Amino acid sequence: MAMVTRYSIQDEVGRFLTIDGFFAYDDADAVEFRDEDEAYEELATNPECRGCTVETYQRLSDFPDFTATPSIEKEAA
């Protein structure tokens, strides 16, 4: 398992934006964004998110995030 960084949107009282576009106190219902820019884009385009903030957190995942594309070099035969 690896630690991965995720982003969520929270309103001023600590509720999380859910996939249905509502806010809930349970963080298990929160929309998880893998990319910070994507979270800020949602924040800017969603009128329900007025006064909200993007929060960063880390959690365990079975699949680590790969930020670099692996390069495969073939040896000359």
Protein backbone atom coordinates (compact mmCIF):
# COMPACT_ATOMS: atom_id res chain seq x y z
CA MET A 1 0.00 0.00 0.00
CA ALA A 2 1.09 3.53 -0.67
CA MET A 3 0.08 6.97 0.54
CA VAL A 4 -1.63 9.04 -2.16
CA THR A 5 -2.65 12.69 -2.13
CA ARG A 6 -6.27 13.51 -2.81
CA TYR A 7 -8.30 16.72 -2.84
CA SER A 8 -11.82 17.46 -1.66
CA ILE A 9 -14.06 20.51 -1.59
CA GLN A 10 -15.41 21.67 1.75
CA ASP A 11 -17.85 24.41 2.60
CA GLU A 12 -17.41 26.93 5.43
CA VAL A 13 -18.90 24.58 8.07
CA GLY A 14 -16.76 21.56 7.13
CA ARG A 15 -19.17 19.61 4.95
CA PHE A 16 -17.81 17.77 1.90
CA LEU A 17 -19.05 18.09 -1.68
CA THR A 18 -20.58 14.77 -2.77
CA ILE A 19 -20.87 13.25 -6.21
CA ASP A 20 -24.55 14.28 -6.23
CA GLY A 21 -23.57 17.95 -5.89
CA PHE A 22 -24.80 18.23 -2.29
CA PHE A 23 -22.81 18.66 0.90
CA ALA A 24 -22.49 16.02 3.63
CA TYR A 25 -20.57 15.76 6.88
CA ASP A 26 -19.39 12.21 6.16
CA ASP A 27 -16.04 12.28 4.37
CA ALA A 28 -16.76 8.81 2.94
CA ASP A 29 -19.34 10.48 0.65
CA ALA A 30 -16.91 13.16 -0.56
CA VAL A 31 -15.84 13.49 -4.16
CA GLU A 32 -12.12 12.69 -4.41
CA PHE A 33 -10.05 14.60 -6.92
CA ARG A 34 -6.68 13.18 -7.95
CA ASP A 35 -5.58 16.48 -9.48
CA GLU A 36 -5.57 19.79 -7.58
CA ASP A 37 -6.32 21.76 -10.75
CA GLU A 38 -9.39 19.63 -11.37
CA ALA A 39 -10.65 20.39 -7.86
CA TYR A 40 -10.15 24.13 -8.36
CA GLU A 41 -11.90 23.95 -11.73
CA GLU A 42 -14.92 22.32 -10.08
CA LEU A 43 -14.81 24.97 -7.36
CA ALA A 44 -14.85 27.76 -9.95
CA THR A 45 -17.63 26.33 -12.12
CA ASN A 46 -20.03 25.04 -9.46
CA PRO A 47 -22.32 27.78 -8.07
CA GLU A 48 -23.05 25.61 -4.99
CA CYS A 49 -19.37 25.90 -4.04
CA ARG A 50 -19.40 29.64 -3.37
CA GLY A 51 -17.31 30.22 -0.22
CA CYS A 52 -15.81 26.71 -0.33
CA THR A 53 -12.17 25.65 -0.21
CA VAL A 54 -10.09 22.86 -1.70
CA GLU A 55 -8.62 20.67 1.02
CA THR A 56 -5.65 18.33 0.65
CA TYR A 57 -5.39 15.02 2.47
CA GLN A 58 -3.54 11.74 2.17
CA ARG A 59 -4.90 8.24 2.37
CA LEU A 60 -3.72 4.69 1.83
CA SER A 61 -4.26 3.16 -1.59
CA ASP A 62 -3.55 -0.20 -3.13
CA PHE A 63 -2.39 1.60 -6.26
CA PRO A 64 0.19 4.39 -5.97
CA ASP A 65 -0.05 7.44 -8.21
CA PHE A 66 2.47 7.48 -10.98
CA THR A 67 3.35 11.03 -11.94
CA ALA A 68 6.04 10.21 -14.50
CA THR A 69 5.57 8.09 -17.57
CA PRO A 70 7.96 5.17 -17.32
CA SER A 71 10.47 5.01 -20.13
CA ILE A 72 11.16 1.66 -21.66
CA GLU A 73 14.53 1.25 -23.24
CA LYS A 74 15.19 -1.74 -25.41
CA GLU A 75 18.63 -3.15 -25.53
CA ALA A 76 20.18 -3.51 -28.95
CA ALA A 77 20.25 -7.13 -30.02
